[in-house]
Amino acid sequence: MVSSSSSLSEVKIISQCFVQPKTHHEKSKEPYHLSPMDHVMLSVQYIQKGLLFLKPSISESDDAVKTKDSMESLLEKLKDSLATTLVHFYPLAGRLSISKTDKPRSYSVFVDCNNSPGAGFIHAKSDLSVADIVESKHVPLVVQSFFDHHKAVNRDGQTMSLLSVKVTELVDGVFIGLSMNHSIGDGSSFWHFFNSLSEIFNSHEDSNEKLLCLKNPPIFREVNGPICRLPLSPLENSISRFEPPVLKERMFHFSAETLRSLKSKANQECGTSNISSFQSLTAFMWRSITRARRSPNDQETTCRFAAGNRSRMIPPLPANHFGGYVSLASKTTNVGNLLEKEFGWAALQLHQAVTQHSDEKIASDIDRWFKSLFDLQLAGLYDPNVVHMGSSPRFNKYGCEFGMGKAVAARSGYNGKYDGKVSAYPGREGGGSIDLEVCLLPEYMEALESDQDFMSFVSSST
């Protein structure tokens, strides 16, 4: 494991700039207003996800020169591809601003694409190797330095870029880390952008055709649609900054065979065939982490997960509809119930939470959060007895390539983490395997790693 002193081998910024869209999107001249749910997300932190690649092998002669030329070529092509991709994802090049009316006095947040220097682009360097990152038992803290907008909350988007790309050169690898304002888009939109950036990077068409040809272009809300208004300015309120305690973070790998086994066990115990593999895995993690915490049997515990709303809305939205279309589904019980009943019982509770996550419930949740004036802050999401499953193994994370082959690993930054936060990634080998990024207090992580029932299902750590 990389010791704390090698964060030590801190990441050094070589250069930084802003990137503007190559041409102006026809809608970029108008304010892009946030939806009610987007407003709710203003107190939450930026999304930070990235991919680690191995540098292409270079012959022994002129190593330093060729490596420098290769890196400069990568950076220039990435910047050019980013400028093109921003044409399609035009709000990400803007900044947050306030629209105000006086009679009656009200406020609304919108993205201003005309008064912004663009998206951030940073080149950094570290003397760490790929092995230092992927072979550590726990994710090294230095990974947090591979991302821009460390600890930033979405309200900061009035002075910070809404999107920033940080390219960190390692001794034998390259990490491409993206930070995106979470009030502009959810995880689905984040990876839609990342995949589009990869598609444009790998396009061999001329630059004009590149601008027009995106296999899966984003769909945006109409700029002239209903505007969400508030009685106070959500950008001028004081921002509470949540500082979680020191956490241990580890990647756990679950093979497709293990997931099939968990799904079969859950469905057999409940006499059904409706419980999914992911619901079964989430139930398994809920029980395992709760057991590691050794909480009293009469204490309540909650499993909460981010549920995509696009397909559940009436009428449903297409998968490529850009924005924040995710809310929370959850189930609460006491520790005794969770651990004493069969595993299938917990999986069924989560299955029911998913089936009950309807258009009506989504609208009710958003209305409640909105009327509470954005109580959805990271500190409010934290609870010492919660297990929160975030992200999704359905996102095409390993489909992003930038001339260096398939990524070696996916990692995330500091933002959005607390004790009990679990994030799901597709397994690198595909086939339905899943990697889980688990964040726990050190004593709970030690207990989880010592739990033979849990570790017997883990294929490996990544």
Protein backbone atom coordinates (compact mmCIF):
# COMPACT_ATOMS: atom_id res chain seq x y z
CA MET A 1 0.00 0.00 0.00
CA VAL A 2 1.13 3.54 -0.70
CA SER A 3 1.93 5.08 2.66
CA SER A 4 0.57 8.47 3.64
CA SER A 5 4.04 9.93 3.16
CA SER A 6 3.88 9.14 -0.54
CA SER A 7 0.94 11.32 -1.08
CA LEU A 8 4.25 12.54 -0.53
CA SER A 9 4.86 11.99 -4.04
CA GLU A 10 2.24 14.62 -4.39
CA VAL A 11 0.64 15.37 -7.70
CA LYS A 12 2.25 18.38 -9.37
CA ILE A 13 0.25 20.68 -11.66
CA ILE A 14 2.10 21.21 -14.94
CA SER A 15 -0.42 23.36 -16.77
CA GLN A 16 -4.06 24.39 -16.62
CA CYS A 17 -6.44 26.21 -18.91
CA PHE A 18 -10.07 26.53 -19.92
CA VAL A 19 -11.59 24.96 -23.02
CA GLN A 20 -14.46 26.55 -24.92
CA PRO A 21 -16.85 24.68 -27.24
CA LYS A 22 -15.48 24.57 -30.78
CA THR A 23 -18.66 26.19 -32.06
CA HIS A 24 -21.71 27.59 -30.27
CA HIS A 25 -24.73 25.34 -29.84
CA GLU A 26 -27.88 27.06 -31.11
CA LYS A 27 -29.41 26.86 -27.62
CA SER A 28 -26.36 28.13 -25.74
CA LYS A 29 -27.35 31.79 -26.18
CA GLU A 30 -30.36 31.27 -23.91
CA PRO A 31 -30.24 30.61 -20.13
CA TYR A 32 -30.38 26.90 -19.30
CA HIS A 33 -32.62 26.86 -16.20
CA LEU A 34 -32.31 24.21 -13.52
CA SER A 35 -35.23 21.93 -12.71
CA PRO A 36 -36.61 21.60 -9.13
CA MET A 37 -34.49 18.48 -8.55
CA ASP A 38 -31.41 20.27 -9.93
CA HIS A 39 -31.97 23.04 -7.37
CA VAL A 40 -32.21 20.44 -4.60
CA MET A 41 -28.75 19.13 -5.59
CA LEU A 42 -27.01 22.50 -5.16
CA SER A 43 -25.73 21.58 -1.69
CA VAL A 44 -24.30 18.21 -2.77
CA GLN A 45 -20.72 17.75 -3.96
CA TYR A 46 -19.45 17.43 -7.54
CA ILE A 47 -19.27 13.97 -9.17
CA GLN A 48 -15.66 12.77 -9.47
CA LYS A 49 -14.93 9.61 -11.47
CA GLY A 50 -11.96 8.63 -13.58
CA LEU A 51 -10.11 5.90 -15.44
CA LEU A 52 -6.54 4.63 -15.14
CA PHE A 53 -4.71 3.60 -18.30
CA LEU A 54 -1.33 2.02 -19.01
CA LYS A 55 0.95 4.05 -21.24
CA PRO A 56 1.63 2.40 -24.60
CA SER A 57 4.98 0.60 -24.57
CA ILE A 58 7.86 2.48 -26.17
CA SER A 59 11.11 1.06 -27.53
CA GLU A 60 14.22 1.41 -25.38
CA SER A 61 15.86 4.07 -27.54
CA ASP A 62 14.77 7.71 -27.11
CA ASP A 63 12.32 6.74 -24.34
CA ALA A 64 12.16 10.18 -22.75
CA VAL A 65 11.67 12.04 -26.03
CA LYS A 66 9.02 9.65 -27.33
CA THR A 67 7.18 9.64 -24.01
CA LYS A 68 7.11 13.45 -23.97
CA ASP A 69 5.90 13.63 -27.58
CA SER A 70 3.27 10.95 -26.91
CA MET A 71 1.97 12.78 -23.83
CA GLU A 72 1.83 16.14 -25.60
CA SER A 73 -0.04 14.53 -28.48
CA LEU A 74 -2.53 12.95 -26.06
CA LEU A 75 -3.13 16.25 -24.26
CA GLU A 76 -3.69 18.21 -27.47
CA LYS A 77 -6.04 15.60 -28.89
CA LEU A 78 -7.96 15.45 -25.61
CA LYS A 79 -8.35 19.25 -25.53
CA ASP A 80 -9.52 19.29 -29.13
CA SER A 81 -11.96 16.43 -28.47
CA LEU A 82 -13.23 18.19 -25.34
CA ALA A 83 -13.91 21.37 -27.35
CA THR A 84 -15.92 19.31 -29.84
CA THR A 85 -17.81 17.33 -27.19
CA LEU A 86 -18.80 20.56 -25.42
CA VAL A 87 -20.67 21.62 -28.56
CA HIS A 88 -23.11 18.77 -27.87
CA PHE A 89 -23.07 19.13 -24.05
CA TYR A 90 -23.13 22.92 -24.10
CA PRO A 91 -24.30 23.60 -20.47
CA LEU A 92 -21.08 22.02 -19.14
CA ALA A 93 -19.09 24.94 -20.57
CA GLY A 94 -21.08 27.51 -18.58
CA ARG A 95 -21.33 28.85 -15.05
CA LEU A 96 -24.23 29.05 -12.59
CA SER A 97 -26.00 32.35 -12.25
CA ILE A 98 -29.15 33.80 -10.67
CA SER A 99 -32.31 35.03 -12.36
CA LYS A 100 -34.26 37.45 -10.15
CA THR A 101 -37.74 38.96 -10.37
CA ASP A 102 -39.06 41.71 -8.05
CA LYS A 103 -42.86 41.41 -8.17
CA PRO A 104 -43.11 39.05 -6.46
CA ARG A 105 -39.48 38.65 -5.49
CA SER A 106 -38.22 35.26 -6.61
CA TYR A 107 -35.01 33.58 -7.71
CA SER A 108 -34.00 30.85 -10.10
CA VAL A 109 -30.63 29.31 -10.92
CA PHE A 110 -29.59 28.93 -14.53
CA VAL A 111 -26.49 28.07 -16.51
CA ASP A 112 -24.97 31.04 -18.30
CA CYS A 113 -23.00 29.81 -21.30
CA ASN A 114 -22.15 33.28 -22.61
CA ASN A 115 -20.16 34.63 -19.66
CA SER A 116 -17.88 31.71 -18.93
CA PRO A 117 -14.27 30.84 -19.78
CA GLY A 118 -15.37 27.22 -20.42
CA ALA A 119 -14.56 23.83 -18.94
CA GLY A 120 -11.37 23.27 -16.97
CA PHE A 121 -8.44 21.26 -18.34
CA ILE A 122 -5.45 20.34 -16.17
CA HIS A 123 -2.23 18.45 -16.88
CA ALA A 124 -0.54 17.03 -13.77
CA LYS A 125 2.30 14.67 -13.03
CA SER A 126 3.17 12.15 -10.32
CA ASP A 127 6.06 9.75 -9.76
CA LEU A 128 3.65 6.98 -8.76
CA SER A 129 3.16 3.87 -10.88
CA VAL A 130 -0.02 2.07 -11.97
CA ALA A 131 0.87 -0.72 -9.52
CA ASP A 132 0.92 1.80 -6.66
CA ILE A 133 -2.75 2.47 -7.37
CA VAL A 134 -4.20 -0.92 -8.32
CA GLU A 135 -2.16 -3.21 -6.06
CA SER A 136 -2.81 -1.37 -2.81
CA LYS A 137 -5.13 -3.19 -0.44
CA HIS A 138 -6.96 0.08 0.20
CA VAL A 139 -7.35 2.90 -2.30
CA PRO A 140 -4.44 5.31 -1.68
CA LEU A 141 -5.40 8.82 -0.55
CA VAL A 142 -3.31 10.26 -3.38
CA VAL A 143 -6.06 9.21 -5.82
CA GLN A 144 -8.08 12.14 -4.48
CA SER A 145 -5.43 14.43 -6.03
CA PHE A 146 -6.22 13.04 -9.50
CA PHE A 147 -9.36 15.20 -9.58
CA ASP A 148 -10.11 18.89 -9.71
CA HIS A 149 -12.78 20.57 -7.51
CA HIS A 150 -11.75 18.75 -4.33
CA LYS A 151 -14.55 19.16 -1.72
CA ALA A 152 -16.50 21.53 -4.00
CA VAL A 153 -20.29 21.62 -3.70
CA ASN A 154 -22.51 22.32 -6.68
CA ARG A 155 -23.32 25.87 -5.56
CA ASP A 156 -19.66 26.65 -6.20
CA GLY A 157 -20.45 26.39 -9.92
CA GLN A 158 -21.03 30.15 -10.02
CA THR A 159 -17.25 30.68 -9.74
CA MET A 160 -15.88 27.22 -10.63
CA SER A 161 -16.14 25.38 -13.93
CA LEU A 162 -19.10 23.00 -14.15
CA LEU A 163 -16.80 20.43 -15.74
CA SER A 164 -13.09 19.88 -15.26
CA VAL A 165 -10.82 17.28 -16.87
CA LYS A 166 -7.60 16.47 -15.03
CA VAL A 167 -5.00 14.33 -16.81
CA THR A 168 -2.37 12.98 -14.42
CA GLU A 169 0.73 11.40 -15.93
CA LEU A 170 2.16 8.53 -13.87
CA VAL A 171 5.48 6.78 -14.44
CA ASP A 172 3.84 4.09 -16.58
CA GLY A 173 0.26 5.24 -16.85
CA VAL A 174 -2.24 8.04 -17.31
CA PHE A 175 -5.25 8.83 -15.13
CA ILE A 176 -8.10 10.81 -16.70
CA GLY A 177 -10.32 12.22 -13.96
CA LEU A 178 -13.53 14.12 -14.61
CA SER A 179 -15.31 16.35 -12.10
CA MET A 180 -18.85 17.41 -13.03
CA ASN A 181 -21.36 19.60 -11.25
CA HIS A 182 -24.03 17.23 -9.89
CA SER A 183 -26.82 19.80 -10.17
CA ILE A 184 -26.37 19.76 -13.96
CA GLY A 185 -26.41 16.01 -14.43
CA ASP A 186 -26.52 12.65 -12.68
CA GLY A 187 -24.27 9.60 -13.04
CA SER A 188 -25.99 8.55 -16.25
CA SER A 189 -25.33 11.97 -17.82
CA PHE A 190 -21.76 11.97 -16.48
CA TRP A 191 -20.90 8.69 -18.20
CA HIS A 192 -22.84 9.72 -21.31
CA PHE A 193 -20.47 12.67 -21.56
CA PHE A 194 -17.37 10.55 -20.80
CA ASN A 195 -18.34 8.02 -23.49
CA SER A 196 -19.07 10.80 -25.99
CA LEU A 197 -15.65 12.35 -25.30
CA SER A 198 -14.09 8.94 -26.01
CA GLU A 199 -16.13 8.52 -29.19
CA ILE A 200 -15.03 11.89 -30.56
CA PHE A 201 -11.41 11.27 -29.51
CA ASN A 202 -11.37 8.01 -31.46
CA SER A 203 -13.18 9.40 -34.51
CA HIS A 204 -11.12 9.44 -37.71
CA GLU A 205 -13.51 11.73 -39.53
CA ASP A 206 -12.61 15.31 -40.34
CA SER A 207 -13.34 17.93 -37.70
CA ASN A 208 -16.52 19.28 -39.33
CA GLU A 209 -18.14 15.86 -39.51
CA LYS A 210 -17.07 15.19 -35.94
CA LEU A 211 -19.23 18.07 -34.78
CA LEU A 212 -22.30 16.57 -36.42
CA CYS A 213 -21.85 12.86 -35.87
CA LEU A 214 -22.41 11.60 -32.33
CA LYS A 215 -24.02 8.18 -32.15
CA ASN A 216 -26.02 9.02 -29.05
CA PRO A 217 -26.42 12.82 -28.76
CA PRO A 218 -27.84 14.23 -25.52
CA ILE A 219 -31.38 15.54 -25.33
CA PHE A 220 -31.92 18.67 -23.23
CA ARG A 221 -34.96 20.27 -21.69
CA GLU A 222 -36.47 23.07 -23.69
CA VAL A 223 -34.93 26.39 -22.63
CA ASN A 224 -38.36 28.02 -22.89
CA GLY A 225 -40.05 25.52 -20.56
CA PRO A 226 -41.45 26.29 -17.07
CA ILE A 227 -38.94 28.05 -14.79
CA CYS A 228 -38.52 26.88 -11.21
CA ARG A 229 -38.59 29.86 -8.81
CA LEU A 230 -37.69 30.26 -5.12
CA PRO A 231 -38.38 32.96 -2.51
CA LEU A 232 -34.66 33.20 -1.70
CA SER A 233 -31.38 32.93 -3.56
CA PRO A 234 -29.98 29.37 -3.31
CA LEU A 235 -26.51 30.56 -4.36
CA GLU A 236 -26.18 33.25 -1.72
CA ASN A 237 -27.11 31.13 1.31
CA SER A 238 -24.33 29.93 3.56
CA ILE A 239 -23.02 26.56 2.46
CA SER A 240 -22.42 23.95 5.13
CA ARG A 241 -19.33 21.92 4.29
CA PHE A 242 -19.49 18.30 5.38
CA GLU A 243 -16.20 16.79 6.52
CA PRO A 244 -16.51 13.03 6.98
CA PRO A 245 -14.21 11.25 9.46
CA VAL A 246 -11.14 9.45 8.15
CA LEU A 247 -12.31 6.50 6.07
CA LYS A 248 -10.82 3.34 4.62
CA GLU A 249 -11.75 2.69 1.00
CA ARG A 250 -11.42 -0.65 -0.76
CA MET A 251 -12.51 -2.19 -4.05
CA PHE A 252 -14.18 -5.62 -3.83
CA HIS A 253 -14.76 -7.76 -6.92
CA PHE A 254 -17.78 -10.04 -7.36
CA SER A 255 -17.79 -12.48 -10.26
CA ALA A 256 -20.83 -13.12 -12.45
CA GLU A 257 -21.02 -16.63 -10.97
CA THR A 258 -21.14 -15.25 -7.42
CA LEU A 259 -23.88 -12.81 -8.38
CA ARG A 260 -25.94 -15.60 -9.93
CA SER A 261 -25.52 -17.56 -6.71
CA LEU A 262 -26.71 -14.65 -4.55
CA LYS A 263 -29.69 -14.05 -6.84
CA SER A 264 -30.67 -17.72 -6.80
CA LYS A 265 -30.40 -17.90 -3.00
CA ALA A 266 -32.52 -14.74 -2.51
CA ASN A 267 -35.27 -15.89 -4.89
CA GLN A 268 -35.36 -19.44 -3.51
CA GLU A 269 -35.74 -18.22 0.06
CA CYS A 270 -38.63 -15.93 -0.98
CA GLY A 271 -40.35 -18.26 -3.42
CA THR A 272 -40.08 -15.80 -6.27
CA SER A 273 -38.02 -15.12 -9.37
CA ASN A 274 -38.33 -11.32 -9.39
CA ILE A 275 -35.35 -10.30 -7.24
CA SER A 276 -32.47 -9.12 -9.40
CA SER A 277 -28.76 -9.85 -9.05
CA PHE A 278 -28.05 -6.24 -8.09
CA GLN A 279 -30.81 -6.16 -5.47
CA SER A 280 -29.37 -9.39 -4.04
CA LEU A 281 -25.83 -7.95 -3.96
CA THR A 282 -27.09 -4.75 -2.30
CA ALA A 283 -28.89 -6.80 0.37
CA PHE A 284 -25.71 -8.82 0.92
CA MET A 285 -23.71 -5.62 1.48
CA TRP A 286 -26.38 -4.17 3.78
CA ARG A 287 -26.24 -7.24 6.01
CA SER A 288 -22.43 -7.54 5.88
CA ILE A 289 -21.72 -3.89 6.74
CA THR A 290 -24.38 -3.89 9.47
CA ARG A 291 -22.80 -7.01 10.97
CA ALA A 292 -19.37 -5.32 10.85
CA ARG A 293 -20.73 -2.34 12.77
CA ARG A 294 -21.95 -4.56 15.62
CA SER A 295 -24.90 -2.27 16.35
CA PRO A 296 -27.52 -3.25 19.00
CA ASN A 297 -30.38 -5.37 17.69
CA ASP A 298 -32.99 -2.72 18.48
CA GLN A 299 -31.20 0.01 16.53
CA GLU A 300 -32.63 1.01 13.16
CA THR A 301 -30.62 0.50 9.98
CA THR A 302 -31.40 1.80 6.49
CA CYS A 303 -30.32 0.66 3.05
CA ARG A 304 -30.60 3.45 0.53
CA PHE A 305 -29.78 3.48 -3.14
CA ALA A 306 -29.86 5.87 -6.05
CA ALA A 307 -32.71 4.92 -8.40
CA GLY A 308 -32.84 6.20 -11.97
CA ASN A 309 -36.06 8.08 -12.72
CA ARG A 310 -36.09 8.42 -16.50
CA SER A 311 -37.88 5.15 -17.26
CA ARG A 312 -40.20 5.55 -14.27
CA MET A 313 -41.57 8.97 -15.18
CA ILE A 314 -44.87 9.44 -16.98
CA PRO A 315 -44.29 9.81 -19.85
CA PRO A 316 -40.87 8.11 -19.61
CA LEU A 317 -37.78 9.98 -20.74
CA PRO A 318 -35.19 8.48 -23.10
CA ALA A 319 -31.96 7.24 -21.55
CA ASN A 320 -29.96 10.00 -23.24
CA HIS A 321 -32.03 12.81 -21.71
CA PHE A 322 -29.37 14.95 -20.02
CA GLY A 323 -29.90 16.17 -16.46
CA GLY A 324 -30.47 15.02 -12.90
CA TYR A 325 -33.03 12.24 -13.01
CA VAL A 326 -32.20 10.20 -9.94
CA SER A 327 -33.68 10.06 -6.43
CA LEU A 328 -33.47 7.83 -3.39
CA ALA A 329 -35.24 4.55 -2.72
CA SER A 330 -34.75 3.04 0.72
CA LYS A 331 -35.82 0.46 3.28
CA THR A 332 -35.49 0.70 7.07
CA THR A 333 -35.66 -2.05 9.67
CA ASN A 334 -33.94 -2.82 12.96
CA VAL A 335 -30.62 -4.63 13.14
CA GLY A 336 -32.12 -7.72 14.75
CA ASN A 337 -34.62 -8.17 11.92
CA LEU A 338 -32.01 -7.67 9.24
CA LEU A 339 -29.48 -10.15 10.65
CA GLU A 340 -31.77 -12.78 12.15
CA LYS A 341 -34.10 -13.19 9.18
CA GLU A 342 -32.99 -14.99 6.03
CA PHE A 343 -30.85 -13.19 3.47
CA GLY A 344 -33.72 -13.41 0.98
CA TRP A 345 -35.94 -11.34 3.29
CA ALA A 346 -33.54 -8.37 3.03
CA ALA A 347 -33.32 -8.73 -0.75
CA LEU A 348 -37.13 -8.79 -1.01
CA GLN A 349 -37.37 -5.57 1.03
CA LEU A 350 -35.10 -3.85 -1.47
CA HIS A 351 -36.99 -5.32 -4.43
CA GLN A 352 -40.21 -3.88 -3.00
CA ALA A 353 -38.57 -0.47 -2.54
CA VAL A 354 -37.64 -0.49 -6.23
CA THR A 355 -41.12 -1.52 -7.42
CA GLN A 356 -42.68 1.20 -5.25
CA HIS A 357 -40.40 3.86 -6.75
CA SER A 358 -43.07 5.22 -9.11
CA ASP A 359 -43.62 8.51 -10.93
CA GLU A 360 -45.96 9.59 -8.12
CA LYS A 361 -43.38 8.83 -5.41
CA ILE A 362 -40.62 10.56 -7.37
CA ALA A 363 -42.70 13.74 -7.72
CA SER A 364 -43.67 13.63 -4.03
CA ASP A 365 -40.03 13.24 -2.89
CA ILE A 366 -38.82 16.12 -5.07
CA ASP A 367 -41.66 18.36 -3.86
CA ARG A 368 -40.87 17.54 -0.22
CA TRP A 369 -37.13 18.24 -0.62
CA PHE A 370 -37.83 21.39 -2.59
CA LYS A 371 -40.22 22.79 0.04
CA SER A 372 -37.72 22.06 2.80
CA LEU A 373 -35.37 24.46 0.99
CA PHE A 374 -32.69 22.01 0.05
CA ASP A 375 -32.18 19.98 3.14
CA LEU A 376 -30.51 17.40 0.88
CA GLN A 377 -26.96 18.19 1.97
CA LEU A 378 -24.20 15.62 2.29
CA ALA A 379 -24.27 15.99 6.09
CA GLY A 380 -28.00 15.26 5.98
CA LEU A 381 -27.43 12.16 3.87
CA TYR A 382 -24.95 10.79 6.38
CA ASP A 383 -26.25 8.51 9.10
CA PRO A 384 -24.07 6.14 11.16
CA ASN A 385 -26.45 3.25 10.41
CA VAL A 386 -27.00 3.76 6.68
CA VAL A 387 -25.63 1.74 3.80
CA HIS A 388 -25.92 3.77 0.59
CA MET A 389 -25.48 2.09 -2.80
CA GLY A 390 -24.56 4.65 -5.46
CA SER A 391 -23.53 4.70 -9.11
CA SER A 392 -24.44 1.73 -11.34
CA PRO A 393 -22.78 -1.31 -12.94
CA ARG A 394 -24.82 -0.51 -16.06
CA PHE A 395 -22.75 2.56 -16.88
CA ASN A 396 -20.35 1.87 -19.74
CA LYS A 397 -17.23 2.90 -17.85
CA TYR A 398 -14.74 0.62 -19.59
CA GLY A 399 -16.06 1.63 -23.01
CA CYS A 400 -14.10 4.89 -22.69
CA GLU A 401 -10.77 4.58 -24.52
CA PHE A 402 -8.23 7.24 -25.43
CA GLY A 403 -5.62 5.54 -27.59
CA MET A 404 -4.18 3.53 -24.68
CA GLY A 405 -6.43 0.48 -24.79
CA LYS A 406 -8.97 -0.51 -22.19
CA ALA A 407 -8.65 1.14 -18.78
CA VAL A 408 -6.88 -0.83 -16.07
CA ALA A 409 -9.20 0.42 -13.33
CA ALA A 410 -11.88 2.96 -12.46
CA ARG A 411 -11.54 5.12 -9.36
CA SER A 412 -13.29 8.10 -7.76
CA GLY A 413 -12.27 11.20 -5.82
CA TYR A 414 -12.95 12.54 -2.34
CA ASN A 415 -16.40 13.96 -3.03
CA GLY A 416 -19.62 12.31 -1.91
CA LYS A 417 -18.07 9.77 0.47
CA TYR A 418 -18.93 8.88 4.04
CA ASP A 419 -19.12 5.79 6.26
CA GLY A 420 -21.38 3.26 4.57
CA LYS A 421 -21.12 4.69 1.04
CA VAL A 422 -20.83 1.94 -1.57
CA SER A 423 -20.48 2.62 -5.31
CA ALA A 424 -21.07 0.02 -8.01
CA TYR A 425 -18.87 -0.37 -11.10
CA PRO A 426 -19.01 -2.91 -13.90
CA GLY A 427 -16.27 -5.52 -13.51
CA ARG A 428 -13.42 -4.90 -15.92
CA GLU A 429 -13.76 -8.35 -17.52
CA GLY A 430 -17.47 -7.79 -18.17
CA GLY A 431 -19.84 -10.73 -18.30
CA GLY A 432 -22.03 -9.34 -15.54
CA SER A 433 -19.29 -9.06 -12.89
CA ILE A 434 -19.39 -6.09 -10.51
CA ASP A 435 -16.79 -4.12 -8.55
CA LEU A 436 -17.89 -2.35 -5.38
CA GLU A 437 -16.07 0.65 -3.94
CA VAL A 438 -16.73 0.46 -0.19
CA CYS A 439 -16.05 3.35 2.22
CA LEU A 440 -16.09 2.60 5.96
CA LEU A 441 -14.61 3.79 9.22
CA PRO A 442 -11.30 1.95 9.76
CA GLU A 443 -12.64 -0.32 12.54
CA TYR A 444 -15.64 -1.31 10.43
CA MET A 445 -13.47 -2.03 7.39
CA GLU A 446 -11.23 -4.24 9.52
CA ALA A 447 -14.27 -6.13 10.80
CA LEU A 448 -15.64 -6.56 7.26
CA GLU A 449 -12.30 -7.86 5.99
CA SER A 450 -12.20 -10.34 8.91
CA ASP A 451 -15.70 -11.63 8.15
CA GLN A 452 -15.17 -14.99 6.44
CA ASP A 453 -18.82 -15.22 5.38
CA PHE A 454 -18.39 -11.96 3.49
CA MET A 455 -14.91 -12.60 2.08
CA SER A 456 -15.94 -16.04 0.78
CA PHE A 457 -18.11 -14.28 -1.80
CA VAL A 458 -15.41 -11.83 -2.86
CA SER A 459 -13.52 -13.06 -5.92
CA SER A 460 -10.67 -10.59 -5.50
CA SER A 461 -9.91 -7.01 -4.64
CA THR A 462 -9.21 -4.64 -7.52
